[in-house]
């Protein structure tokens, strides 16, 4: 009975599947390091964005790439959860 309740609360993806996007988003909110991408094992994307942010700091476009990295980390985590738990 407890397992059924947990399954219903977490949407059938388990506790880790439910928390993974939230953790990735929380890490992505930390500026300058792109930790959400590292958490999702997209290290090359994180390194590329880290290098790209240096020139963008001078032209005030840095907040755009930072906000996009938060969205991308959340979306990637959601897609990896759906791939893992799809039937």
PDB file of N, CA and C in Angstrom:
ATOM      1  N   UNK A   1       0.813  -1.186   0.000  1.00  0.00           N
ATOM      2  CA  UNK A   1       0.000   0.000   0.000  1.00  0.00           C
ATOM      3  C   UNK A   1       0.866   1.264   0.000  1.00  0.00           C
ATOM      4  N   UNK A   2       1.948   1.253   0.778  1.00  0.00           N
ATOM      5  CA  UNK A   2       2.843   2.412   0.848  1.00  0.00           C
ATOM      6  C   UNK A   2       3.505   2.656  -0.504  1.00  0.00           C
ATOM      7  N   UNK A   3       3.891   1.588  -1.187  1.00  0.00           N
ATOM      8  CA  UNK A   3       4.532   1.735  -2.498  1.00  0.00           C
ATOM      9  C   UNK A   3       3.578   2.338  -3.529  1.00  0.00           C
ATOM     10  N   UNK A   4       2.318   2.007  -3.432  1.00  0.00           N
ATOM     11  CA  UNK A   4       1.328   2.577  -4.352  1.00  0.00           C
ATOM     12  C   UNK A   4       1.178   4.070  -4.097  1.00  0.00           C
ATOM     13  N   UNK A   5       1.140   4.467  -2.837  1.00  0.00           N
ATOM     14  CA  UNK A   5       1.014   5.879  -2.490  1.00  0.00           C
ATOM     15  C   UNK A   5       2.236   6.656  -2.979  1.00  0.00           C
ATOM     16  N   UNK A   6       3.443   6.110  -2.754  1.00  0.00           N
ATOM     17  CA  UNK A   6       4.673   6.775  -3.212  1.00  0.00           C
ATOM     18  C   UNK A   6       4.684   6.879  -4.731  1.00  0.00           C
ATOM     19  N   UNK A   7       4.240   5.824  -5.399  1.00  0.00           N
ATOM     20  CA  UNK A   7       4.191   5.849  -6.861  1.00  0.00           C
ATOM     21  C   UNK A   7       3.231   6.919  -7.363  1.00  0.00           C
ATOM     22  N   UNK A   8       2.115   7.085  -6.703  1.00  0.00           N
ATOM     23  CA  UNK A   8       1.147   8.106  -7.116  1.00  0.00           C
ATOM     24  C   UNK A   8       1.674   9.514  -6.838  1.00  0.00           C
ATOM     25  N   UNK A   9       2.358   9.703  -5.732  1.00  0.00           N
ATOM     26  CA  UNK A   9       2.886  11.023  -5.387  1.00  0.00           C
ATOM     27  C   UNK A   9       3.975  11.446  -6.368  1.00  0.00           C
ATOM     28  N   UNK A  10       4.844  10.521  -6.722  1.00  0.00           N
ATOM     29  CA  UNK A  10       5.988  10.857  -7.582  1.00  0.00           C
ATOM     30  C   UNK A  10       5.667  10.697  -9.064  1.00  0.00           C
ATOM     31  N   UNK A  11       4.451  10.394  -9.407  1.00  0.00           N
ATOM     32  CA  UNK A  11       4.067  10.289 -10.818  1.00  0.00           C
ATOM     33  C   UNK A  11       4.586   9.027 -11.477  1.00  0.00           C
ATOM     34  N   UNK A  12       4.921   8.024 -10.710  1.00  0.00           N
ATOM     35  CA  UNK A  12       5.382   6.757 -11.262  1.00  0.00           C
ATOM     36  C   UNK A  12       6.841   6.719 -11.647  1.00  0.00           C
ATOM     37  N   UNK A  13       7.601   7.783 -11.385  1.00  0.00           N
ATOM     38  CA  UNK A  13       9.014   7.797 -11.753  1.00  0.00           C
ATOM     39  C   UNK A  13       9.922   7.615 -10.540  1.00  0.00           C
ATOM     40  N   UNK A  14       9.348   7.440  -9.376  1.00  0.00           N
ATOM     41  CA  UNK A  14      10.134   7.235  -8.170  1.00  0.00           C
ATOM     42  C   UNK A  14      10.635   8.546  -7.594  1.00  0.00           C
ATOM     43  N   UNK A  15      11.137   8.485  -6.361  1.00  0.00           N
ATOM     44  CA  UNK A  15      11.603   9.712  -5.707  1.00  0.00           C
ATOM     45  C   UNK A  15      12.747  10.395  -6.464  1.00  0.00           C
ATOM     46  N   UNK A  16      13.700   9.613  -6.973  1.00  0.00           N
ATOM     47  CA  UNK A  16      14.815  10.215  -7.690  1.00  0.00           C
ATOM     48  C   UNK A  16      14.353  10.846  -8.997  1.00  0.00           C
ATOM     49  N   UNK A  17      13.458  10.209  -9.693  1.00  0.00           N
ATOM     50  CA  UNK A  17      12.944  10.766 -10.937  1.00  0.00           C
ATOM     51  C   UNK A  17      12.165  12.048 -10.715  1.00  0.00           C
ATOM     52  N   UNK A  18      11.515  12.146  -9.552  1.00  0.00           N
ATOM     53  CA  UNK A  18      10.765  13.358  -9.253  1.00  0.00           C
ATOM     54  C   UNK A  18      11.681  14.490  -8.802  1.00  0.00           C
ATOM     55  N   UNK A  19      12.773  14.156  -8.121  1.00  0.00           N
ATOM     56  CA  UNK A  19      13.667  15.188  -7.585  1.00  0.00           C
ATOM     57  C   UNK A  19      14.768  15.610  -8.552  1.00  0.00           C
ATOM     58  N   UNK A  20      15.099  14.757  -9.494  1.00  0.00           N
ATOM     59  CA  UNK A  20      16.222  15.057 -10.389  1.00  0.00           C
ATOM     60  C   UNK A  20      16.095  16.399 -11.119  1.00  0.00           C
ATOM     61  N   UNK A  21      14.943  16.715 -11.737  1.00  0.00           N
ATOM     62  CA  UNK A  21      14.826  18.030 -12.386  1.00  0.00           C
ATOM     63  C   UNK A  21      14.948  19.195 -11.407  1.00  0.00           C
ATOM     64  N   UNK A  22      14.441  19.009 -10.198  1.00  0.00           N
ATOM     65  CA  UNK A  22      14.530  20.079  -9.205  1.00  0.00           C
ATOM     66  C   UNK A  22      15.972  20.303  -8.751  1.00  0.00           C
ATOM     67  N   UNK A  23      16.719  19.230  -8.586  1.00  0.00           N
ATOM     68  CA  UNK A  23      18.130  19.352  -8.201  1.00  0.00           C
ATOM     69  C   UNK A  23      18.927  19.998  -9.328  1.00  0.00           C
ATOM     70  N   UNK A  24      18.667  19.578 -10.567  1.00  0.00           N
ATOM     71  CA  UNK A  24      19.371  20.175 -11.712  1.00  0.00           C
ATOM     72  C   UNK A  24      19.069  21.661 -11.820  1.00  0.00           C
ATOM     73  N   UNK A  25      17.820  22.037 -11.581  1.00  0.00           N
ATOM     74  CA  UNK A  25      17.449  23.450 -11.633  1.00  0.00           C
ATOM     75  C   UNK A  25      18.106  24.226 -10.497  1.00  0.00           C
ATOM     76  N   UNK A  26      18.108  23.638  -9.309  1.00  0.00           N
ATOM     77  CA  UNK A  26      18.753  24.292  -8.168  1.00  0.00           C
ATOM     78  C   UNK A  26      20.238  24.516  -8.387  1.00  0.00           C
ATOM     79  N   UNK A  27      20.906  23.549  -8.979  1.00  0.00           N
ATOM     80  CA  UNK A  27      22.329  23.719  -9.278  1.00  0.00           C
ATOM     81  C   UNK A  27      22.555  24.730 -10.395  1.00  0.00           C
ATOM     82  N   UNK A  28      21.634  24.778 -11.354  1.00  0.00           N
ATOM     83  CA  UNK A  28      21.787  25.706 -12.473  1.00  0.00           C
ATOM     84  C   UNK A  28      21.585  27.152 -12.044  1.00  0.00           C
ATOM     85  N   UNK A  29      20.884  27.374 -10.945  1.00  0.00           N
ATOM     86  CA  UNK A  29      20.663  28.736 -10.467  1.00  0.00           C
ATOM     87  C   UNK A  29      21.964  29.369  -9.978  1.00  0.00           C
ATOM     88  N   UNK A  30      22.929  28.556  -9.557  1.00  0.00           N
ATOM     89  CA  UNK A  30      24.228  29.084  -9.128  1.00  0.00           C
ATOM     90  C   UNK A  30      24.928  29.657 -10.356  1.00  0.00           C
ATOM     91  N   UNK A  31      25.206  30.952 -10.372  1.00  0.00           N
ATOM     92  CA  UNK A  31      25.743  31.574 -11.591  1.00  0.00           C
ATOM     93  C   UNK A  31      27.210  31.224 -11.845  1.00  0.00           C
ATOM     94  N   UNK A  32      27.619  31.357 -13.084  1.00  0.00           N
ATOM     95  CA  UNK A  32      28.988  31.273 -13.599  1.00  0.00           C
ATOM     96  C   UNK A  32      29.533  29.856 -13.790  1.00  0.00           C
ATOM     97  N   UNK A  33      29.005  28.839 -13.145  1.00  0.00           N
ATOM     98  CA  UNK A  33      29.623  27.512 -13.205  1.00  0.00           C
ATOM     99  C   UNK A  33      28.845  26.494 -14.031  1.00  0.00           C
ATOM    100  N   UNK A  34      27.581  26.751 -14.324  1.00  0.00           N
ATOM    101  CA  UNK A  34      26.737  25.857 -15.120  1.00  0.00           C
ATOM    102  C   UNK A  34      26.731  24.448 -14.546  1.00  0.00           C
ATOM    103  N   UNK A  35      26.483  24.359 -13.236  1.00  0.00           N
ATOM    104  CA  UNK A  35      26.494  23.084 -12.532  1.00  0.00           C
ATOM    105  C   UNK A  35      25.323  22.189 -12.918  1.00  0.00           C
ATOM    106  N   UNK A  36      24.229  22.770 -13.384  1.00  0.00           N
ATOM    107  CA  UNK A  36      23.097  21.963 -13.834  1.00  0.00           C
ATOM    108  C   UNK A  36      23.466  21.093 -15.022  1.00  0.00           C
ATOM    109  N   UNK A  37      24.262  21.634 -15.939  1.00  0.00           N
ATOM    110  CA  UNK A  37      24.705  20.849 -17.083  1.00  0.00           C
ATOM    111  C   UNK A  37      25.690  19.759 -16.636  1.00  0.00           C
ATOM    112  N   UNK A  38      26.567  20.077 -15.697  1.00  0.00           N
ATOM    113  CA  UNK A  38      27.476  19.053 -15.178  1.00  0.00           C
ATOM    114  C   UNK A  38      26.685  17.947 -14.479  1.00  0.00           C
ATOM    115  N   UNK A  39      25.649  18.321 -13.738  1.00  0.00           N
ATOM    116  CA  UNK A  39      24.797  17.344 -13.052  1.00  0.00           C
ATOM    117  C   UNK A  39      24.129  16.409 -14.051  1.00  0.00           C
ATOM    118  N   UNK A  40      23.747  16.948 -15.207  1.00  0.00           N
ATOM    119  CA  UNK A  40      23.115  16.140 -16.253  1.00  0.00           C
ATOM    120  C   UNK A  40      24.137  15.426 -17.138  1.00  0.00           C
ATOM    121  N   UNK A  41      25.394  15.475 -16.755  1.00  0.00           N
ATOM    122  CA  UNK A  41      26.507  14.828 -17.468  1.00  0.00           C
ATOM    123  C   UNK A  41      26.698  15.381 -18.871  1.00  0.00           C
ATOM    124  N   UNK A  42      26.449  16.665 -19.024  1.00  0.00           N
ATOM    125  CA  UNK A  42      26.708  17.352 -20.291  1.00  0.00           C
ATOM    126  C   UNK A  42      27.887  18.299 -20.062  1.00  0.00           C
ATOM    127  N   UNK A  43      29.031  17.702 -19.781  1.00  0.00           N
ATOM    128  CA  UNK A  43      30.198  18.483 -19.398  1.00  0.00           C
ATOM    129  C   UNK A  43      30.696  19.378 -20.530  1.00  0.00           C
ATOM    130  N   UNK A  44      30.661  18.888 -21.758  1.00  0.00           N
ATOM    131  CA  UNK A  44      31.153  19.713 -22.866  1.00  0.00           C
ATOM    132  C   UNK A  44      30.275  20.954 -23.059  1.00  0.00           C
ATOM    133  N   UNK A  45      28.963  20.802 -22.897  1.00  0.00           N
ATOM    134  CA  UNK A  45      28.072  21.957 -23.006  1.00  0.00           C
ATOM    135  C   UNK A  45      28.371  22.964 -21.895  1.00  0.00           C
ATOM    136  N   UNK A  46      28.611  22.479 -20.685  1.00  0.00           N
ATOM    137  CA  UNK A  46      28.911  23.375 -19.564  1.00  0.00           C
ATOM    138  C   UNK A  46      30.225  24.117 -19.792  1.00  0.00           C
ATOM    139  N   UNK A  47      31.238  23.421 -20.292  1.00  0.00           N
ATOM    140  CA  UNK A  47      32.519  24.083 -20.564  1.00  0.00           C
ATOM    141  C   UNK A  47      32.380  25.111 -21.693  1.00  0.00           C
ATOM    142  N   UNK A  48      31.594  24.771 -22.711  1.00  0.00           N
ATOM    143  CA  UNK A  48      31.367  25.717 -23.813  1.00  0.00           C
ATOM    144  C   UNK A  48      30.660  26.976 -23.327  1.00  0.00           C
ATOM    145  N   UNK A  49      29.640  26.798 -22.516  1.00  0.00           N
ATOM    146  CA  UNK A  49      28.911  27.962 -22.000  1.00  0.00           C
ATOM    147  C   UNK A  49      29.763  28.766 -21.040  1.00  0.00           C
ATOM    148  N   UNK A  50      30.631  28.090 -20.285  1.00  0.00           N
ATOM    149  CA  UNK A  50      31.531  28.805 -19.388  1.00  0.00           C
ATOM    150  C   UNK A  50      32.466  29.707 -20.195  1.00  0.00           C
ATOM    151  N   UNK A  51      32.995  29.174 -21.302  1.00  0.00           N
ATOM    152  CA  UNK A  51      33.878  29.974 -22.151  1.00  0.00           C
ATOM    153  C   UNK A  51      33.103  31.078 -22.879  1.00  0.00           C
ATOM    154  N   UNK A  52      31.860  30.818 -23.229  1.00  0.00           N
ATOM    155  CA  UNK A  52      31.051  31.799 -23.937  1.00  0.00           C
ATOM    156  C   UNK A  52      30.619  32.960 -23.039  1.00  0.00           C
ATOM    157  N   UNK A  53      30.509  32.705 -21.758  1.00  0.00           N
ATOM    158  CA  UNK A  53      30.021  33.762 -20.862  1.00  0.00           C
ATOM    159  C   UNK A  53      31.031  34.883 -20.671  1.00  0.00           C
ATOM    160  N   UNK A  54      32.309  34.620 -20.900  1.00  0.00           N
ATOM    161  CA  UNK A  54      33.326  35.655 -20.679  1.00  0.00           C
ATOM    162  C   UNK A  54      33.113  36.839 -21.620  1.00  0.00           C
ATOM    163  N   UNK A  55      33.000  36.636 -22.947  1.00  0.00           N
ATOM    164  CA  UNK A  55      32.729  37.808 -23.788  1.00  0.00           C
ATOM    165  C   UNK A  55      31.325  38.373 -23.586  1.00  0.00           C
ATOM    166  N   UNK A  56      30.373  37.534 -23.200  1.00  0.00           N
ATOM    167  CA  UNK A  56      29.003  38.020 -23.010  1.00  0.00           C
ATOM    168  C   UNK A  56      28.871  38.889 -21.764  1.00  0.00           C
ATOM    169  N   UNK A  57      29.773  38.759 -20.814  1.00  0.00           N
ATOM    170  CA  UNK A  57      29.734  39.616 -19.633  1.00  0.00           C
ATOM    171  C   UNK A  57      29.924  41.081 -20.004  1.00  0.00           C
ATOM    172  N   UNK A  58      30.701  41.322 -21.044  1.00  0.00           N
ATOM    173  CA  UNK A  58      31.002  42.696 -21.441  1.00  0.00           C
ATOM    174  C   UNK A  58      29.894  43.342 -22.271  1.00  0.00           C
ATOM    175  N   UNK A  59      29.037  42.550 -22.864  1.00  0.00           N
ATOM    176  CA  UNK A  59      27.973  43.150 -23.681  1.00  0.00           C
ATOM    177  C   UNK A  59      26.587  42.956 -23.055  1.00  0.00           C
ATOM    178  N   UNK A  60      26.532  42.625 -21.795  1.00  0.00           N
ATOM    179  CA  UNK A  60      25.298  42.536 -21.020  1.00  0.00           C
ATOM    180  C   UNK A  60      24.331  41.454 -21.499  1.00  0.00           C
ATOM    181  N   UNK A  61      24.806  40.493 -22.241  1.00  0.00           N
ATOM    182  CA  UNK A  61      23.960  39.377 -22.658  1.00  0.00           C
ATOM    183  C   UNK A  61      24.105  38.166 -21.742  1.00  0.00           C
ATOM    184  N   UNK A  62      24.945  38.300 -20.728  1.00  0.00           N
ATOM    185  CA  UNK A  62      25.192  37.170 -19.842  1.00  0.00           C
ATOM    186  C   UNK A  62      23.924  36.658 -19.149  1.00  0.00           C
ATOM    187  N   UNK A  63      23.018  37.510 -18.670  1.00  0.00           N
ATOM    188  CA  UNK A  63      21.807  36.976 -18.019  1.00  0.00           C
ATOM    189  C   UNK A  63      20.984  36.075 -18.930  1.00  0.00           C
ATOM    190  N   UNK A  64      21.012  36.341 -20.224  1.00  0.00           N
ATOM    191  CA  UNK A  64      20.253  35.485 -21.146  1.00  0.00           C
ATOM    192  C   UNK A  64      20.798  34.068 -21.183  1.00  0.00           C
ATOM    193  N   UNK A  65      22.119  33.926 -21.266  1.00  0.00           N
ATOM    194  CA  UNK A  65      22.685  32.586 -21.300  1.00  0.00           C
ATOM    195  C   UNK A  65      22.514  31.899 -19.942  1.00  0.00           C
ATOM    196  N   UNK A  66      22.552  32.666 -18.861  1.00  0.00           N
ATOM    197  CA  UNK A  66      22.346  32.081 -17.535  1.00  0.00           C
ATOM    198  C   UNK A  66      20.920  31.565 -17.384  1.00  0.00           C
ATOM    199  N   UNK A  67      19.925  32.356 -17.797  1.00  0.00           N
ATOM    200  CA  UNK A  67      18.536  31.907 -17.725  1.00  0.00           C
ATOM    201  C   UNK A  67      18.287  30.717 -18.652  1.00  0.00           C
ATOM    202  N   UNK A  68      18.908  30.759 -19.821  1.00  0.00           N
ATOM    203  CA  UNK A  68      18.755  29.623 -20.738  1.00  0.00           C
ATOM    204  C   UNK A  68      19.374  28.360 -20.143  1.00  0.00           C
ATOM    205  N   UNK A  69      20.485  28.480 -19.429  1.00  0.00           N
ATOM    206  CA  UNK A  69      21.115  27.293 -18.832  1.00  0.00           C
ATOM    207  C   UNK A  69      20.226  26.696 -17.754  1.00  0.00           C
ATOM    208  N   UNK A  70      19.489  27.535 -17.014  1.00  0.00           N
ATOM    209  CA  UNK A  70      18.563  27.010 -16.009  1.00  0.00           C
ATOM    210  C   UNK A  70      17.453  26.222 -16.697  1.00  0.00           C
ATOM    211  N   UNK A  71      16.878  26.790 -17.751  1.00  0.00           N
ATOM    212  CA  UNK A  71      15.837  26.091 -18.500  1.00  0.00           C
ATOM    213  C   UNK A  71      16.375  24.800 -19.115  1.00  0.00           C
ATOM    214  N   UNK A  72      17.560  24.853 -19.692  1.00  0.00           N
ATOM    215  CA  UNK A  72      18.145  23.689 -20.344  1.00  0.00           C
ATOM    216  C   UNK A  72      18.435  22.577 -19.342  1.00  0.00           C
ATOM    217  N   UNK A  73      18.931  22.926 -18.165  1.00  0.00           N
ATOM    218  CA  UNK A  73      19.207  21.911 -17.147  1.00  0.00           C
ATOM    219  C   UNK A  73      17.922  21.211 -16.717  1.00  0.00           C
ATOM    220  N   UNK A  74      16.859  21.984 -16.509  1.00  0.00           N
ATOM    221  CA  UNK A  74      15.574  21.399 -16.127  1.00  0.00           C
ATOM    222  C   UNK A  74      15.025  20.512 -17.233  1.00  0.00           C
ATOM    223  N   UNK A  75      15.061  21.009 -18.454  1.00  0.00           N
ATOM    224  CA  UNK A  75      14.517  20.249 -19.583  1.00  0.00           C
ATOM    225  C   UNK A  75      15.300  18.958 -19.820  1.00  0.00           C
ATOM    226  N   UNK A  76      16.618  19.023 -19.742  1.00  0.00           N
ATOM    227  CA  UNK A  76      17.437  17.834 -19.954  1.00  0.00           C
ATOM    228  C   UNK A  76      17.191  16.798 -18.870  1.00  0.00           C
ATOM    229  N   UNK A  77      17.058  17.247 -17.630  1.00  0.00           N
ATOM    230  CA  UNK A  77      16.772  16.315 -16.543  1.00  0.00           C
ATOM    231  C   UNK A  77      15.407  15.659 -16.735  1.00  0.00           C
ATOM    232  N   UNK A  78      14.419  16.435 -17.148  1.00  0.00           N
ATOM    233  CA  UNK A  78      13.086  15.864 -17.389  1.00  0.00           C
ATOM    234  C   UNK A  78      13.130  14.832 -18.518  1.00  0.00           C
ATOM    235  N   UNK A  79      13.861  15.137 -19.588  1.00  0.00           N
ATOM    236  CA  UNK A  79      13.943  14.193 -20.704  1.00  0.00           C
ATOM    237  C   UNK A  79      14.683  12.921 -20.311  1.00  0.00           C
ATOM    238  N   UNK A  80      15.712  13.034 -19.478  1.00  0.00           N
ATOM    239  CA  UNK A  80      16.435  11.833 -19.064  1.00  0.00           C
ATOM    240  C   UNK A  80      15.568  10.974 -18.152  1.00  0.00           C
ATOM    241  N   UNK A  81      14.744  11.603 -17.329  1.00  0.00           N
ATOM    242  CA  UNK A  81      13.826  10.839 -16.479  1.00  0.00           C
ATOM    243  C   UNK A  81      12.790  10.125 -17.335  1.00  0.00           C
ATOM    244  N   UNK A  82      12.256  10.793 -18.345  1.00  0.00           N
ATOM    245  CA  UNK A  82      11.251  10.150 -19.191  1.00  0.00           C
ATOM    246  C   UNK A  82      11.855   9.004 -20.010  1.00  0.00           C
ATOM    247  N   UNK A  83      13.114   9.171 -20.439  1.00  0.00           N
ATOM    248  CA  UNK A  83      13.769   8.055 -21.158  1.00  0.00           C
ATOM    249  C   UNK A  83      13.991   6.865 -20.241  1.00  0.00           C
ATOM    250  N   UNK A  84      14.390   7.142 -19.001  1.00  0.00           N
ATOM    251  CA  UNK A  84      14.683   6.073 -18.057  1.00  0.00           C
ATOM    252  C   UNK A  84      13.433   5.302 -17.680  1.00  0.00           C
ATOM    253  N   UNK A  85      12.335   6.002 -17.482  1.00  0.00           N
ATOM    254  CA  UNK A  85      11.120   5.365 -16.976  1.00  0.00           C
ATOM    255  C   UNK A  85      10.071   5.113 -18.035  1.00  0.00           C
ATOM    256  N   UNK A  86      10.379   5.293 -19.307  1.00  0.00           N
ATOM    257  CA  UNK A  86       9.374   5.038 -20.342  1.00  0.00           C
ATOM    258  C   UNK A  86       9.217   3.540 -20.553  1.00  0.00           C
ATOM    259  N   UNK A  87       8.038   3.181 -20.952  1.00  0.00           N
ATOM    260  CA  UNK A  87       7.723   1.758 -21.138  1.00  0.00           C
ATOM    261  C   UNK A  87       7.909   1.357 -22.569  1.00  0.00           C
TER     262      UNK A  87
END
